[in-house]
C-alpha atoms as a PDB file:
ATOM      1  CA  MET A   1      17.756  15.476  -7.718  1.00  0.00           C
ATOM      2  CA  GLU A   2      14.055  14.839  -7.083  1.00  0.00           C
ATOM      3  CA  THR A   3      14.142  11.856  -9.437  1.00  0.00           C
ATOM      4  CA  LEU A   4      16.954  10.300  -7.430  1.00  0.00           C
ATOM      5  CA  ILE A   5      15.047  10.914  -4.196  1.00  0.00           C
ATOM      6  CA  VAL A   6      11.957   9.171  -5.586  1.00  0.00           C
ATOM      7  CA  GLY A   7      14.152   6.338  -6.880  1.00  0.00           C
ATOM      8  CA  LEU A   8      15.771   5.854  -3.490  1.00  0.00           C
ATOM      9  CA  GLY A   9      12.403   5.695  -1.761  1.00  0.00           C
ATOM     10  CA  GLY A  10      11.134   3.360  -4.476  1.00  0.00           C
ATOM     11  CA  PHE A  11      14.103   1.066  -3.962  1.00  0.00           C
ATOM     12  CA  PHE A  12      13.206   0.542  -0.315  1.00  0.00           C
ATOM     13  CA  GLY A  13       9.467   0.392  -0.986  1.00  0.00           C
ATOM     14  CA  ALA A  14       9.903  -2.323  -3.592  1.00  0.00           C
ATOM     15  CA  ILE A  15      12.143  -4.389  -1.333  1.00  0.00           C
ATOM     16  CA  THR A  16       9.708  -4.035   1.577  1.00  0.00           C
ATOM     17  CA  ARG A  17       6.803  -5.121  -0.628  1.00  0.00           C
ATOM     18  CA  TYR A  18       8.780  -8.094  -1.910  1.00  0.00           C
ATOM     19  CA  LEU A  19       9.682  -9.268   1.596  1.00  0.00           C
ATOM     20  CA  ILE A  20       6.136  -8.888   2.911  1.00  0.00           C
ATOM     21  CA  SER A  21       4.650 -10.615  -0.133  1.00  0.00           C
ATOM     22  CA  ASN A  22       7.029 -13.551   0.212  1.00  0.00           C
ATOM     23  CA  PHE A  23       6.326 -13.815   3.925  1.00  0.00           C
ATOM     24  CA  LEU A  24       2.537 -13.806   3.480  1.00  0.00           C
ATOM     25  CA  SER A  25       2.393 -15.873   0.290  1.00  0.00           C
ATOM     26  CA  LYS A  26       4.212 -18.913   1.638  1.00  0.00           C
ATOM     27  CA  PRO A  27       1.666 -19.921   4.300  1.00  0.00           C
ATOM     28  CA  ASN A  28      -1.300 -18.571   2.322  1.00  0.00           C
ATOM     29  CA  GLN A  29      -1.877 -20.807  -0.672  1.00  0.00           C
ATOM     30  CA  SER A  30      -5.557 -19.886  -1.037  1.00  0.00           C
ATOM     31  CA  ALA A  31      -7.099 -18.293  -4.104  1.00  0.00           C
ATOM     32  CA  PHE A  32      -7.495 -14.957  -2.303  1.00  0.00           C
ATOM     33  CA  PRO A  33      -4.505 -12.603  -2.905  1.00  0.00           C
ATOM     34  CA  LEU A  34      -3.807 -11.891   0.770  1.00  0.00           C
ATOM     35  CA  SER A  35      -0.321 -10.434   0.350  1.00  0.00           C
ATOM     36  CA  THR A  36      -1.469  -7.828  -2.206  1.00  0.00           C
ATOM     37  CA  PHE A  37      -4.484  -6.999  -0.060  1.00  0.00           C
ATOM     38  CA  PHE A  38      -2.276  -6.538   3.013  1.00  0.00           C
ATOM     39  CA  VAL A  39       0.253  -4.366   1.177  1.00  0.00           C
ATOM     40  CA  ASN A  40      -2.460  -2.145  -0.331  1.00  0.00           C
ATOM     41  CA  VAL A  41      -4.270  -1.687   2.986  1.00  0.00           C
ATOM     42  CA  SER A  42      -1.106  -1.122   5.026  1.00  0.00           C
ATOM     43  CA  GLY A  43       0.147   1.285   2.343  1.00  0.00           C
ATOM     44  CA  CYS A  44      -3.053   3.307   2.682  1.00  0.00           C
ATOM     45  CA  PHE A  45      -2.631   3.358   6.467  1.00  0.00           C
ATOM     46  CA  ILE A  46       1.049   4.337   6.308  1.00  0.00           C
ATOM     47  CA  LEU A  47       0.350   7.122   3.803  1.00  0.00           C
ATOM     48  CA  GLY A  48      -2.509   8.482   5.911  1.00  0.00           C
ATOM     49  CA  LEU A  49      -0.387   8.392   9.056  1.00  0.00           C
ATOM     50  CA  PHE A  50       2.615  10.050   7.404  1.00  0.00           C
ATOM     51  CA  LEU A  51       0.598  12.807   5.730  1.00  0.00           C
ATOM     52  CA  SER A  52      -1.272  13.502   8.933  1.00  0.00           C
ATOM     53  CA  LEU A  53       1.921  13.686  10.989  1.00  0.00           C
ATOM     54  CA  THR A  54       3.737  15.882   8.476  1.00  0.00           C
ATOM     55  CA  THR A  55       0.795  18.253   8.163  1.00  0.00           C
ATOM     56  CA  LYS A  56       1.133  19.025  11.864  1.00  0.00           C
ATOM     57  CA  THR A  57       4.888  19.571  11.539  1.00  0.00           C
ATOM     58  CA  PRO A  58       5.351  21.956   8.615  1.00  0.00           C
ATOM     59  CA  HIS A  59       9.131  22.049   9.046  1.00  0.00           C
ATOM     60  CA  ILE A  60       9.432  18.601   7.424  1.00  0.00           C
ATOM     61  CA  ASP A  61      11.679  18.837   4.373  1.00  0.00           C
ATOM     62  CA  PRO A  62       9.611  18.519   1.167  1.00  0.00           C
ATOM     63  CA  LYS A  63      12.281  16.152  -0.173  1.00  0.00           C
ATOM     64  CA  LEU A  64      11.584  13.773   2.731  1.00  0.00           C
ATOM     65  CA  LYS A  65       7.876  13.880   1.878  1.00  0.00           C
ATOM     66  CA  LEU A  66       8.725  13.120  -1.744  1.00  0.00           C
ATOM     67  CA  LEU A  67      11.054  10.283  -0.744  1.00  0.00           C
ATOM     68  CA  PHE A  68       8.428   8.657   1.431  1.00  0.00           C
ATOM     69  CA  THR A  69       5.100   9.356  -0.313  1.00  0.00           C
ATOM     70  CA  VAL A  70       5.973   9.091  -4.000  1.00  0.00           C
ATOM     71  CA  GLY A  71       9.076   6.919  -3.647  1.00  0.00           C
ATOM     72  CA  PHE A  72       8.537   4.469  -0.807  1.00  0.00           C
ATOM     73  CA  VAL A  73       4.737   4.213  -0.590  1.00  0.00           C
ATOM     74  CA  GLY A  74       4.292   4.551  -4.348  1.00  0.00           C
ATOM     75  CA  SER A  75       6.601   1.603  -4.890  1.00  0.00           C
ATOM     76  CA  TYR A  76       5.362  -0.353  -1.887  1.00  0.00           C
ATOM     77  CA  THR A  77       1.683  -0.417  -2.824  1.00  0.00           C
ATOM     78  CA  THR A  78       0.616  -2.733  -5.567  1.00  0.00           C
ATOM     79  CA  PHE A  79      -2.453  -1.470  -7.337  1.00  0.00           C
ATOM     80  CA  SER A  80      -1.371  -2.814 -10.698  1.00  0.00           C
ATOM     81  CA  THR A  81      -0.915  -6.246  -9.156  1.00  0.00           C
ATOM     82  CA  PHE A  82      -4.328  -5.847  -7.565  1.00  0.00           C
ATOM     83  CA  GLY A  83      -5.847  -5.296 -11.014  1.00  0.00           C
ATOM     84  CA  TYR A  84      -4.040  -8.263 -12.495  1.00  0.00           C
ATOM     85  CA  GLU A  85      -4.965 -10.626  -9.654  1.00  0.00           C
ATOM     86  CA  THR A  86      -8.601  -9.520  -9.708  1.00  0.00           C
ATOM     87  CA  ALA A  87      -8.804 -10.049 -13.475  1.00  0.00           C
ATOM     88  CA  THR A  88      -7.191 -13.473 -13.047  1.00  0.00           C
ATOM     89  CA  LEU A  89      -9.759 -14.424 -10.415  1.00  0.00           C
ATOM     90  CA  ILE A  90     -12.551 -13.446 -12.830  1.00  0.00           C
ATOM     91  CA  LYS A  91     -10.883 -15.321 -15.705  1.00  0.00           C
ATOM     92  CA  ASN A  92     -10.571 -18.426 -13.515  1.00  0.00           C
ATOM     93  CA  GLY A  93     -14.259 -18.337 -12.609  1.00  0.00           C
ATOM     94  CA  LYS A  94     -13.728 -17.159  -9.038  1.00  0.00           C
ATOM     95  CA  LEU A  95     -16.080 -14.193  -9.276  1.00  0.00           C
ATOM     96  CA  ILE A  96     -16.917 -14.173  -5.555  1.00  0.00           C
ATOM     97  CA  PHE A  97     -13.216 -13.868  -4.643  1.00  0.00           C
ATOM     98  CA  ALA A  98     -12.842 -11.102  -7.230  1.00  0.00           C
ATOM     99  CA  ILE A  99     -15.773  -9.146  -5.808  1.00  0.00           C
ATOM    100  CA  VAL A 100     -14.557  -9.622  -2.231  1.00  0.00           C
ATOM    101  CA  ASN A 101     -11.049  -8.541  -3.252  1.00  0.00           C
ATOM    102  CA  VAL A 102     -12.289  -5.335  -4.922  1.00  0.00           C
ATOM    103  CA  ALA A 103     -14.802  -4.405  -2.229  1.00  0.00           C
ATOM    104  CA  ALA A 104     -12.531  -5.240   0.702  1.00  0.00           C
ATOM    105  CA  SER A 105      -9.457  -3.570  -0.819  1.00  0.00           C
ATOM    106  CA  VAL A 106     -11.291  -0.339  -1.523  1.00  0.00           C
ATOM    107  CA  LEU A 107     -13.309  -0.172   1.703  1.00  0.00           C
ATOM    108  CA  VAL A 108     -10.596  -1.387   4.074  1.00  0.00           C
ATOM    109  CA  GLY A 109      -8.041   0.762   2.236  1.00  0.00           C
ATOM    110  CA  ILE A 110     -10.114   3.900   2.824  1.00  0.00           C
ATOM    111  CA  VAL A 111     -10.740   2.962   6.464  1.00  0.00           C
ATOM    112  CA  SER A 112      -7.007   2.270   6.914  1.00  0.00           C
ATOM    113  CA  PHE A 113      -6.105   5.639   5.405  1.00  0.00           C
ATOM    114  CA  LEU A 114      -8.538   7.346   7.784  1.00  0.00           C
ATOM    115  CA  GLY A 115      -7.167   5.279  10.690  1.00  0.00           C
ATOM    116  CA  GLY A 116      -3.640   6.398   9.884  1.00  0.00           C
ATOM    117  CA  THR A 117      -4.816   9.990   9.621  1.00  0.00           C
ATOM    118  CA  ILE A 118      -6.574   9.813  13.003  1.00  0.00           C
ATOM    119  CA  LEU A 119      -3.570   8.171  14.647  1.00  0.00           C
ATOM    120  CA  GLY A 120      -1.337  10.845  13.168  1.00  0.00           C
ATOM    121  CA  GLN A 121      -3.545  13.560  14.637  1.00  0.00           C
ATOM    122  CA  ILE A 122      -3.236  12.008  18.095  1.00  0.00           C
ATOM    123  CA  PHE A 123       0.556  12.220  18.064  1.00  0.00           C
END
């Protein structure tokens, strides 16, 4: 049953990522992978917010946590794509973009996670 729950969350996470990536990729034809960056950072924020909110409300069904954290957010975020795009930037001689992508994704991702956690503690 848990596998189906994760799969259901993953189904919606993958679709959400696809829609956001298509929306952000069309107007952004630059070398910087903005859609992946946005999805990774927003995924960190959403996970931080959700975990913070559910920590304060222990009556949340563990299956809902599994559906959302492992299923939805796990499918929504795109770390493997991040690795591929960063390696491609390096391969194409765009080392500055690669460094900015790595540094910004990690730093802004952590700050976003903390922001979601703080916001979750407020509510």
